[in-house]
């Protein structure tokens, strides 16, 4: 999994995606999502590193089978809130 942190003084945005979908563009209906290297390609991370980052995220964008499964495993994401775009699982976290 790739893990990238985008941090400011107020926000801790976590981007996680499976390695095999980095750089792909997903299209479904009139929805298009790019899994861009600029946003998602940080370091290659272990499950524990992803779980730690998700635990403190104010916002997270998560794409891919392994990445979303990791977020579900640590209870950061409810499986019922996962959507699929072009058959790729996607979840978001927003903490206010």
PDB file of N, CA and C in Angstrom:
ATOM      1  N   UNK A   1       0.848  -1.178   0.000  1.00  0.00           N
ATOM      2  CA  UNK A   1       0.000   0.000   0.000  1.00  0.00           C
ATOM      3  C   UNK A   1       0.888   1.233   0.000  1.00  0.00           C
ATOM      4  N   UNK A   2       0.417   2.261  -0.700  1.00  0.00           N
ATOM      5  CA  UNK A   2       1.074   3.559  -0.626  1.00  0.00           C
ATOM      6  C   UNK A   2       0.350   4.405   0.404  1.00  0.00           C
ATOM      7  N   UNK A   3       1.128   5.132   1.186  1.00  0.00           N
ATOM      8  CA  UNK A   3       0.601   6.014   2.218  1.00  0.00           C
ATOM      9  C   UNK A   3       1.255   7.372   2.060  1.00  0.00           C
ATOM     10  N   UNK A   4       0.426   8.401   1.957  1.00  0.00           N
ATOM     11  CA  UNK A   4       0.949   9.765   1.885  1.00  0.00           C
ATOM     12  C   UNK A   4       0.149  10.635   2.839  1.00  0.00           C
ATOM     13  N   UNK A   5       0.874  11.449   3.595  1.00  0.00           N
ATOM     14  CA  UNK A   5       0.261  12.362   4.554  1.00  0.00           C
ATOM     15  C   UNK A   5       0.351  13.772   3.996  1.00  0.00           C
ATOM     16  N   UNK A   6      -0.779  14.462   3.982  1.00  0.00           N
ATOM     17  CA  UNK A   6      -0.835  15.877   3.604  1.00  0.00           C
ATOM     18  C   UNK A   6      -1.233  16.612   4.877  1.00  0.00           C
ATOM     19  N   UNK A   7      -0.297  17.363   5.431  1.00  0.00           N
ATOM     20  CA  UNK A   7      -0.538  17.959   6.745  1.00  0.00           C
ATOM     21  C   UNK A   7      -0.435  19.481   6.697  1.00  0.00           C
ATOM     22  N   UNK A   8      -1.363  20.121   7.402  1.00  0.00           N
ATOM     23  CA  UNK A   8      -1.309  21.566   7.607  1.00  0.00           C
ATOM     24  C   UNK A   8      -1.474  21.806   9.101  1.00  0.00           C
ATOM     25  N   UNK A   9      -1.579  23.048   9.478  1.00  0.00           N
ATOM     26  CA  UNK A   9      -1.721  23.347  10.905  1.00  0.00           C
ATOM     27  C   UNK A   9      -3.041  22.825  11.476  1.00  0.00           C
ATOM     28  N   UNK A  10      -4.058  22.676  10.634  1.00  0.00           N
ATOM     29  CA  UNK A  10      -5.377  22.248  11.118  1.00  0.00           C
ATOM     30  C   UNK A  10      -5.792  20.852  10.664  1.00  0.00           C
ATOM     31  N   UNK A  11      -5.207  20.370   9.598  1.00  0.00           N
ATOM     32  CA  UNK A  11      -5.700  19.128   9.005  1.00  0.00           C
ATOM     33  C   UNK A  11      -4.587  18.104   8.830  1.00  0.00           C
ATOM     34  N   UNK A  12      -4.976  16.844   8.963  1.00  0.00           N
ATOM     35  CA  UNK A  12      -4.086  15.710   8.760  1.00  0.00           C
ATOM     36  C   UNK A  12      -4.801  14.798   7.768  1.00  0.00           C
ATOM     37  N   UNK A  13      -4.482  14.982   6.497  1.00  0.00           N
ATOM     38  CA  UNK A  13      -5.153  14.253   5.424  1.00  0.00           C
ATOM     39  C   UNK A  13      -4.307  13.040   5.050  1.00  0.00           C
ATOM     40  N   UNK A  14      -4.930  11.881   5.090  1.00  0.00           N
ATOM     41  CA  UNK A  14      -4.245  10.629   4.795  1.00  0.00           C
ATOM     42  C   UNK A  14      -4.752  10.095   3.459  1.00  0.00           C
ATOM     43  N   UNK A  15      -3.825   9.764   2.577  1.00  0.00           N
ATOM     44  CA  UNK A  15      -4.151   9.161   1.289  1.00  0.00           C
ATOM     45  C   UNK A  15      -3.534   7.764   1.262  1.00  0.00           C
ATOM     46  N   UNK A  16      -4.363   6.766   0.988  1.00  0.00           N
ATOM     47  CA  UNK A  16      -3.897   5.377   0.955  1.00  0.00           C
ATOM     48  C   UNK A  16      -4.451   4.712  -0.297  1.00  0.00           C
ATOM     49  N   UNK A  17      -3.591   3.994  -1.008  1.00  0.00           N
ATOM     50  CA  UNK A  17      -4.085   3.216  -2.150  1.00  0.00           C
ATOM     51  C   UNK A  17      -3.231   1.978  -2.339  1.00  0.00           C
ATOM     52  N   UNK A  18      -3.819   0.995  -2.994  1.00  0.00           N
ATOM     53  CA  UNK A  18      -3.088  -0.213  -3.351  1.00  0.00           C
ATOM     54  C   UNK A  18      -2.057   0.138  -4.419  1.00  0.00           C
ATOM     55  N   UNK A  19      -0.937  -0.556  -4.387  1.00  0.00           N
ATOM     56  CA  UNK A  19       0.136  -0.271  -5.335  1.00  0.00           C
ATOM     57  C   UNK A  19      -0.289  -0.497  -6.783  1.00  0.00           C
ATOM     58  N   UNK A  20      -1.143  -1.488  -7.033  1.00  0.00           N
ATOM     59  CA  UNK A  20      -1.492  -1.839  -8.411  1.00  0.00           C
ATOM     60  C   UNK A  20      -2.470  -0.879  -9.080  1.00  0.00           C
ATOM     61  N   UNK A  21      -3.033   0.069  -8.333  1.00  0.00           N
ATOM     62  CA  UNK A  21      -3.964   1.011  -8.972  1.00  0.00           C
ATOM     63  C   UNK A  21      -3.404   2.428  -9.052  1.00  0.00           C
ATOM     64  N   UNK A  22      -2.212   2.647  -8.508  1.00  0.00           N
ATOM     65  CA  UNK A  22      -1.606   3.975  -8.572  1.00  0.00           C
ATOM     66  C   UNK A  22      -1.429   4.397 -10.028  1.00  0.00           C
ATOM     67  N   UNK A  23      -1.852   5.604 -10.338  1.00  0.00           N
ATOM     68  CA  UNK A  23      -1.729   6.133 -11.689  1.00  0.00           C
ATOM     69  C   UNK A  23      -2.897   5.801 -12.601  1.00  0.00           C
ATOM     70  N   UNK A  24      -3.837   5.016 -12.128  1.00  0.00           N
ATOM     71  CA  UNK A  24      -4.989   4.649 -12.956  1.00  0.00           C
ATOM     72  C   UNK A  24      -6.095   5.691 -12.849  1.00  0.00           C
ATOM     73  N   UNK A  25      -6.916   5.739 -13.874  1.00  0.00           N
ATOM     74  CA  UNK A  25      -8.103   6.583 -13.878  1.00  0.00           C
ATOM     75  C   UNK A  25      -9.315   5.667 -13.882  1.00  0.00           C
ATOM     76  N   UNK A  26     -10.186   5.860 -12.901  1.00  0.00           N
ATOM     77  CA  UNK A  26     -11.395   5.047 -12.777  1.00  0.00           C
ATOM     78  C   UNK A  26     -12.575   5.838 -13.319  1.00  0.00           C
ATOM     79  N   UNK A  27     -13.386   5.186 -14.145  1.00  0.00           N
ATOM     80  CA  UNK A  27     -14.557   5.843 -14.724  1.00  0.00           C
ATOM     81  C   UNK A  27     -15.775   4.969 -14.519  1.00  0.00           C
ATOM     82  N   UNK A  28     -16.835   5.607 -14.074  1.00  0.00           N
ATOM     83  CA  UNK A  28     -18.115   4.919 -13.933  1.00  0.00           C
ATOM     84  C   UNK A  28     -19.210   5.952 -14.132  1.00  0.00           C
ATOM     85  N   UNK A  29     -20.033   5.742 -15.149  1.00  0.00           N
ATOM     86  CA  UNK A  29     -21.051   6.743 -15.472  1.00  0.00           C
ATOM     87  C   UNK A  29     -20.371   8.063 -15.800  1.00  0.00           C
ATOM     88  N   UNK A  30     -20.848   9.138 -15.186  1.00  0.00           N
ATOM     89  CA  UNK A  30     -20.219  10.436 -15.439  1.00  0.00           C
ATOM     90  C   UNK A  30     -19.175  10.788 -14.372  1.00  0.00           C
ATOM     91  N   UNK A  31     -18.774   9.807 -13.571  1.00  0.00           N
ATOM     92  CA  UNK A  31     -17.774  10.001 -12.523  1.00  0.00           C
ATOM     93  C   UNK A  31     -16.407   9.535 -13.015  1.00  0.00           C
ATOM     94  N   UNK A  32     -15.403  10.383 -12.836  1.00  0.00           N
ATOM     95  CA  UNK A  32     -14.026  10.046 -13.170  1.00  0.00           C
ATOM     96  C   UNK A  32     -13.144  10.386 -11.981  1.00  0.00           C
ATOM     97  N   UNK A  33     -12.334   9.418 -11.551  1.00  0.00           N
ATOM     98  CA  UNK A  33     -11.425   9.624 -10.422  1.00  0.00           C
ATOM     99  C   UNK A  33     -10.032   9.169 -10.839  1.00  0.00           C
ATOM    100  N   UNK A  34      -9.058  10.043 -10.640  1.00  0.00           N
ATOM    101  CA  UNK A  34      -7.673   9.702 -10.938  1.00  0.00           C
ATOM    102  C   UNK A  34      -6.948   9.353  -9.638  1.00  0.00           C
ATOM    103  N   UNK A  35      -6.334   8.194  -9.608  1.00  0.00           N
ATOM    104  CA  UNK A  35      -5.522   7.788  -8.459  1.00  0.00           C
ATOM    105  C   UNK A  35      -4.106   8.306  -8.755  1.00  0.00           C
ATOM    106  N   UNK A  36      -3.923   9.590  -8.524  1.00  0.00           N
ATOM    107  CA  UNK A  36      -2.704  10.267  -8.973  1.00  0.00           C
ATOM    108  C   UNK A  36      -1.511  10.006  -8.065  1.00  0.00           C
ATOM    109  N   UNK A  37      -0.342   9.933  -8.694  1.00  0.00           N
ATOM    110  CA  UNK A  37       0.893   9.781  -7.935  1.00  0.00           C
ATOM    111  C   UNK A  37       1.114  10.985  -7.033  1.00  0.00           C
ATOM    112  N   UNK A  38       0.754  12.157  -7.516  1.00  0.00           N
ATOM    113  CA  UNK A  38       0.960  13.381  -6.739  1.00  0.00           C
ATOM    114  C   UNK A  38       0.224  13.321  -5.398  1.00  0.00           C
ATOM    115  N   UNK A  39      -0.978  12.785  -5.382  1.00  0.00           N
ATOM    116  CA  UNK A  39      -1.764  12.753  -4.148  1.00  0.00           C
ATOM    117  C   UNK A  39      -1.520  11.490  -3.321  1.00  0.00           C
ATOM    118  N   UNK A  40      -1.366  10.340  -3.978  1.00  0.00           N
ATOM    119  CA  UNK A  40      -1.332   9.062  -3.261  1.00  0.00           C
ATOM    120  C   UNK A  40       0.054   8.458  -3.062  1.00  0.00           C
ATOM    121  N   UNK A  41       1.018   8.775  -3.924  1.00  0.00           N
ATOM    122  CA  UNK A  41       2.303   8.073  -3.828  1.00  0.00           C
ATOM    123  C   UNK A  41       3.210   8.716  -2.788  1.00  0.00           C
ATOM    124  N   UNK A  42       3.165   8.126  -1.623  1.00  0.00           N
ATOM    125  CA  UNK A  42       4.098   8.487  -0.567  1.00  0.00           C
ATOM    126  C   UNK A  42       5.030   7.308  -0.405  1.00  0.00           C
ATOM    127  N   UNK A  43       5.113   6.806   0.797  1.00  0.00           N
ATOM    128  CA  UNK A  43       5.970   5.650   1.031  1.00  0.00           C
ATOM    129  C   UNK A  43       5.154   4.367   0.945  1.00  0.00           C
ATOM    130  N   UNK A  44       5.837   3.275   0.672  1.00  0.00           N
ATOM    131  CA  UNK A  44       5.209   1.968   0.763  1.00  0.00           C
ATOM    132  C   UNK A  44       5.067   1.663   2.248  1.00  0.00           C
ATOM    133  N   UNK A  45       3.853   1.375   2.673  1.00  0.00           N
ATOM    134  CA  UNK A  45       3.574   1.270   4.104  1.00  0.00           C
ATOM    135  C   UNK A  45       3.044  -0.107   4.479  1.00  0.00           C
ATOM    136  N   UNK A  46       3.342  -0.488   5.698  1.00  0.00           N
ATOM    137  CA  UNK A  46       2.803  -1.725   6.257  1.00  0.00           C
ATOM    138  C   UNK A  46       1.375  -1.478   6.739  1.00  0.00           C
ATOM    139  N   UNK A  47       0.684  -2.550   7.033  1.00  0.00           N
ATOM    140  CA  UNK A  47      -0.671  -2.437   7.570  1.00  0.00           C
ATOM    141  C   UNK A  47      -0.665  -1.617   8.865  1.00  0.00           C
ATOM    142  N   UNK A  48       0.297  -1.859   9.735  1.00  0.00           N
ATOM    143  CA  UNK A  48       0.365  -1.120  11.002  1.00  0.00           C
ATOM    144  C   UNK A  48       0.587   0.374  10.792  1.00  0.00           C
ATOM    145  N   UNK A  49       1.405   0.741   9.815  1.00  0.00           N
ATOM    146  CA  UNK A  49       1.638   2.160   9.528  1.00  0.00           C
ATOM    147  C   UNK A  49       0.369   2.830   9.010  1.00  0.00           C
ATOM    148  N   UNK A  50      -0.362   2.119   8.165  1.00  0.00           N
ATOM    149  CA  UNK A  50      -1.623   2.661   7.649  1.00  0.00           C
ATOM    150  C   UNK A  50      -2.626   2.813   8.786  1.00  0.00           C
ATOM    151  N   UNK A  51      -2.740   1.819   9.631  1.00  0.00           N
ATOM    152  CA  UNK A  51      -3.671   1.881  10.761  1.00  0.00           C
ATOM    153  C   UNK A  51      -3.333   3.053  11.673  1.00  0.00           C
ATOM    154  N   UNK A  52      -2.063   3.251  11.952  1.00  0.00           N
ATOM    155  CA  UNK A  52      -1.644   4.365  12.806  1.00  0.00           C
ATOM    156  C   UNK A  52      -2.014   5.710  12.178  1.00  0.00           C
ATOM    157  N   UNK A  53      -1.766   5.858  10.886  1.00  0.00           N
ATOM    158  CA  UNK A  53      -2.092   7.112  10.199  1.00  0.00           C
ATOM    159  C   UNK A  53      -3.599   7.354  10.182  1.00  0.00           C
ATOM    160  N   UNK A  54      -4.381   6.315   9.914  1.00  0.00           N
ATOM    161  CA  UNK A  54      -5.834   6.468   9.881  1.00  0.00           C
ATOM    162  C   UNK A  54      -6.400   6.834  11.246  1.00  0.00           C
ATOM    163  N   UNK A  55      -5.746   6.388  12.302  1.00  0.00           N
ATOM    164  CA  UNK A  55      -6.259   6.659  13.650  1.00  0.00           C
ATOM    165  C   UNK A  55      -6.194   8.134  14.023  1.00  0.00           C
ATOM    166  N   UNK A  56      -5.341   8.892  13.368  1.00  0.00           N
ATOM    167  CA  UNK A  56      -5.207  10.320  13.686  1.00  0.00           C
ATOM    168  C   UNK A  56      -5.644  11.227  12.536  1.00  0.00           C
ATOM    169  N   UNK A  57      -6.125  10.645  11.460  1.00  0.00           N
ATOM    170  CA  UNK A  57      -6.523  11.433  10.288  1.00  0.00           C
ATOM    171  C   UNK A  57      -7.758  12.279  10.573  1.00  0.00           C
ATOM    172  N   UNK A  58      -7.739  13.515  10.084  1.00  0.00           N
ATOM    173  CA  UNK A  58      -8.964  14.309  10.095  1.00  0.00           C
ATOM    174  C   UNK A  58      -9.783  13.980   8.849  1.00  0.00           C
ATOM    175  N   UNK A  59      -9.080  13.639   7.774  1.00  0.00           N
ATOM    176  CA  UNK A  59      -9.708  13.229   6.524  1.00  0.00           C
ATOM    177  C   UNK A  59      -8.845  12.136   5.908  1.00  0.00           C
ATOM    178  N   UNK A  60      -9.484  11.168   5.271  1.00  0.00           N
ATOM    179  CA  UNK A  60      -8.725  10.136   4.572  1.00  0.00           C
ATOM    180  C   UNK A  60      -9.446   9.746   3.290  1.00  0.00           C
ATOM    181  N   UNK A  61      -8.659   9.478   2.260  1.00  0.00           N
ATOM    182  CA  UNK A  61      -9.150   8.940   0.996  1.00  0.00           C
ATOM    183  C   UNK A  61      -8.444   7.612   0.792  1.00  0.00           C
ATOM    184  N   UNK A  62      -9.233   6.566   0.597  1.00  0.00           N
ATOM    185  CA  UNK A  62      -8.699   5.212   0.569  1.00  0.00           C
ATOM    186  C   UNK A  62      -9.232   4.498  -0.669  1.00  0.00           C
ATOM    187  N   UNK A  63      -8.329   3.929  -1.476  1.00  0.00           N
ATOM    188  CA  UNK A  63      -8.711   3.202  -2.680  1.00  0.00           C
ATOM    189  C   UNK A  63      -8.010   1.856  -2.735  1.00  0.00           C
ATOM    190  N   UNK A  64      -8.746   0.839  -3.157  1.00  0.00           N
ATOM    191  CA  UNK A  64      -8.168  -0.470  -3.417  1.00  0.00           C
ATOM    192  C   UNK A  64      -8.586  -1.519  -2.406  1.00  0.00           C
ATOM    193  N   UNK A  65      -8.524  -2.777  -2.843  1.00  0.00           N
ATOM    194  CA  UNK A  65      -8.960  -3.906  -2.012  1.00  0.00           C
ATOM    195  C   UNK A  65      -8.186  -3.979  -0.697  1.00  0.00           C
ATOM    196  N   UNK A  66      -6.860  -3.994  -0.771  1.00  0.00           N
ATOM    197  CA  UNK A  66      -6.031  -4.145   0.426  1.00  0.00           C
ATOM    198  C   UNK A  66      -6.162  -2.935   1.352  1.00  0.00           C
ATOM    199  N   UNK A  67      -6.149  -1.749   0.778  1.00  0.00           N
ATOM    200  CA  UNK A  67      -6.204  -0.520   1.575  1.00  0.00           C
ATOM    201  C   UNK A  67      -7.535  -0.380   2.298  1.00  0.00           C
ATOM    202  N   UNK A  68      -8.624  -0.615   1.596  1.00  0.00           N
ATOM    203  CA  UNK A  68      -9.945  -0.507   2.218  1.00  0.00           C
ATOM    204  C   UNK A  68     -10.129  -1.617   3.258  1.00  0.00           C
ATOM    205  N   UNK A  69      -9.652  -2.821   2.961  1.00  0.00           N
ATOM    206  CA  UNK A  69      -9.747  -3.917   3.937  1.00  0.00           C
ATOM    207  C   UNK A  69      -8.994  -3.570   5.218  1.00  0.00           C
ATOM    208  N   UNK A  70      -7.870  -2.911   5.092  1.00  0.00           N
ATOM    209  CA  UNK A  70      -7.090  -2.482   6.255  1.00  0.00           C
ATOM    210  C   UNK A  70      -7.885  -1.470   7.083  1.00  0.00           C
ATOM    211  N   UNK A  71      -8.525  -0.520   6.409  1.00  0.00           N
ATOM    212  CA  UNK A  71      -9.330   0.492   7.104  1.00  0.00           C
ATOM    213  C   UNK A  71     -10.531  -0.134   7.806  1.00  0.00           C
ATOM    214  N   UNK A  72     -11.110  -1.153   7.198  1.00  0.00           N
ATOM    215  CA  UNK A  72     -12.229  -1.862   7.825  1.00  0.00           C
ATOM    216  C   UNK A  72     -11.729  -2.665   9.025  1.00  0.00           C
ATOM    217  N   UNK A  73     -10.601  -3.330   8.864  1.00  0.00           N
ATOM    218  CA  UNK A  73     -10.039  -4.175   9.928  1.00  0.00           C
ATOM    219  C   UNK A  73      -9.800  -3.388  11.215  1.00  0.00           C
ATOM    220  N   UNK A  74      -9.355  -2.137  11.082  1.00  0.00           N
ATOM    221  CA  UNK A  74      -9.068  -1.337  12.282  1.00  0.00           C
ATOM    222  C   UNK A  74     -10.266  -0.492  12.703  1.00  0.00           C
ATOM    223  N   UNK A  75     -11.417  -0.735  12.088  1.00  0.00           N
ATOM    224  CA  UNK A  75     -12.678  -0.045  12.401  1.00  0.00           C
ATOM    225  C   UNK A  75     -12.668   1.444  12.080  1.00  0.00           C
ATOM    226  N   UNK A  76     -11.762   1.867  11.206  1.00  0.00           N
ATOM    227  CA  UNK A  76     -11.768   3.263  10.759  1.00  0.00           C
ATOM    228  C   UNK A  76     -12.897   3.495   9.760  1.00  0.00           C
ATOM    229  N   UNK A  77     -13.302   2.422   9.081  1.00  0.00           N
ATOM    230  CA  UNK A  77     -14.345   2.493   8.060  1.00  0.00           C
ATOM    231  C   UNK A  77     -15.350   1.372   8.309  1.00  0.00           C
ATOM    232  N   UNK A  78     -16.622   1.696   8.204  1.00  0.00           N
ATOM    233  CA  UNK A  78     -17.691   0.701   8.271  1.00  0.00           C
ATOM    234  C   UNK A  78     -17.856   0.108   6.870  1.00  0.00           C
ATOM    235  N   UNK A  79     -17.879  -1.206   6.738  1.00  0.00           N
ATOM    236  CA  UNK A  79     -18.013  -1.818   5.411  1.00  0.00           C
ATOM    237  C   UNK A  79     -19.232  -1.330   4.630  1.00  0.00           C
ATOM    238  N   UNK A  80     -20.275  -0.933   5.328  1.00  0.00           N
ATOM    239  CA  UNK A  80     -21.477  -0.452   4.644  1.00  0.00           C
ATOM    240  C   UNK A  80     -21.266   0.908   3.982  1.00  0.00           C
ATOM    241  N   UNK A  81     -20.188   1.594   4.335  1.00  0.00           N
ATOM    242  CA  UNK A  81     -19.907   2.908   3.756  1.00  0.00           C
ATOM    243  C   UNK A  81     -18.884   2.859   2.630  1.00  0.00           C
ATOM    244  N   UNK A  82     -18.538   1.665   2.188  1.00  0.00           N
ATOM    245  CA  UNK A  82     -17.596   1.501   1.085  1.00  0.00           C
ATOM    246  C   UNK A  82     -18.375   1.493  -0.224  1.00  0.00           C
ATOM    247  N   UNK A  83     -17.895   2.276  -1.176  1.00  0.00           N
ATOM    248  CA  UNK A  83     -18.490   2.255  -2.513  1.00  0.00           C
ATOM    249  C   UNK A  83     -17.483   1.636  -3.478  1.00  0.00           C
ATOM    250  N   UNK A  84     -17.955   1.303  -4.658  1.00  0.00           N
ATOM    251  CA  UNK A  84     -17.070   0.783  -5.697  1.00  0.00           C
ATOM    252  C   UNK A  84     -17.174   1.686  -6.908  1.00  0.00           C
ATOM    253  N   UNK A  85     -16.022   2.045  -7.405  1.00  0.00           N
ATOM    254  CA  UNK A  85     -15.938   2.836  -8.628  1.00  0.00           C
ATOM    255  C   UNK A  85     -15.155   1.992  -9.624  1.00  0.00           C
ATOM    256  N   UNK A  86     -15.800   1.626 -10.697  1.00  0.00           N
ATOM    257  CA  UNK A  86     -15.198   0.735 -11.689  1.00  0.00           C
ATOM    258  C   UNK A  86     -14.675  -0.540 -11.012  1.00  0.00           C
ATOM    259  N   UNK A  87     -15.443  -1.030 -10.061  1.00  0.00           N
ATOM    260  CA  UNK A  87     -15.175  -2.241  -9.277  1.00  0.00           C
ATOM    261  C   UNK A  87     -13.974  -2.128  -8.331  1.00  0.00           C
ATOM    262  N   UNK A  88     -13.502  -0.915  -8.077  1.00  0.00           N
ATOM    263  CA  UNK A  88     -12.422  -0.686  -7.108  1.00  0.00           C
ATOM    264  C   UNK A  88     -13.051  -0.103  -5.846  1.00  0.00           C
ATOM    265  N   UNK A  89     -12.828  -0.727  -4.685  1.00  0.00           N
ATOM    266  CA  UNK A  89     -13.421  -0.192  -3.459  1.00  0.00           C
ATOM    267  C   UNK A  89     -12.819   1.158  -3.069  1.00  0.00           C
ATOM    268  N   UNK A  90     -13.688   2.009  -2.518  1.00  0.00           N
ATOM    269  CA  UNK A  90     -13.275   3.355  -2.109  1.00  0.00           C
ATOM    270  C   UNK A  90     -14.000   3.728  -0.822  1.00  0.00           C
ATOM    271  N   UNK A  91     -13.256   4.343   0.078  1.00  0.00           N
ATOM    272  CA  UNK A  91     -13.846   4.839   1.323  1.00  0.00           C
ATOM    273  C   UNK A  91     -13.212   6.175   1.673  1.00  0.00           C
ATOM    274  N   UNK A  92     -13.971   6.974   2.393  1.00  0.00           N
ATOM    275  CA  UNK A  92     -13.480   8.259   2.885  1.00  0.00           C
ATOM    276  C   UNK A  92     -13.775   8.360   4.370  1.00  0.00           C
ATOM    277  N   UNK A  93     -12.923   9.095   5.053  1.00  0.00           N
ATOM    278  CA  UNK A  93     -13.116   9.382   6.472  1.00  0.00           C
ATOM    279  C   UNK A  93     -13.111  10.892   6.636  1.00  0.00           C
ATOM    280  N   UNK A  94     -14.085  11.401   7.382  1.00  0.00           N
ATOM    281  CA  UNK A  94     -14.142  12.823   7.733  1.00  0.00           C
ATOM    282  C   UNK A  94     -14.410  12.916   9.222  1.00  0.00           C
ATOM    283  N   UNK A  95     -13.506  13.518   9.936  1.00  0.00           N
ATOM    284  CA  UNK A  95     -13.704  13.741  11.371  1.00  0.00           C
ATOM    285  C   UNK A  95     -13.753  15.243  11.608  1.00  0.00           C
ATOM    286  N   UNK A  96     -14.797  15.682  12.297  1.00  0.00           N
ATOM    287  CA  UNK A  96     -14.944  17.122  12.564  1.00  0.00           C
ATOM    288  C   UNK A  96     -14.819  17.413  14.038  1.00  0.00           C
TER     289      UNK A  96
END
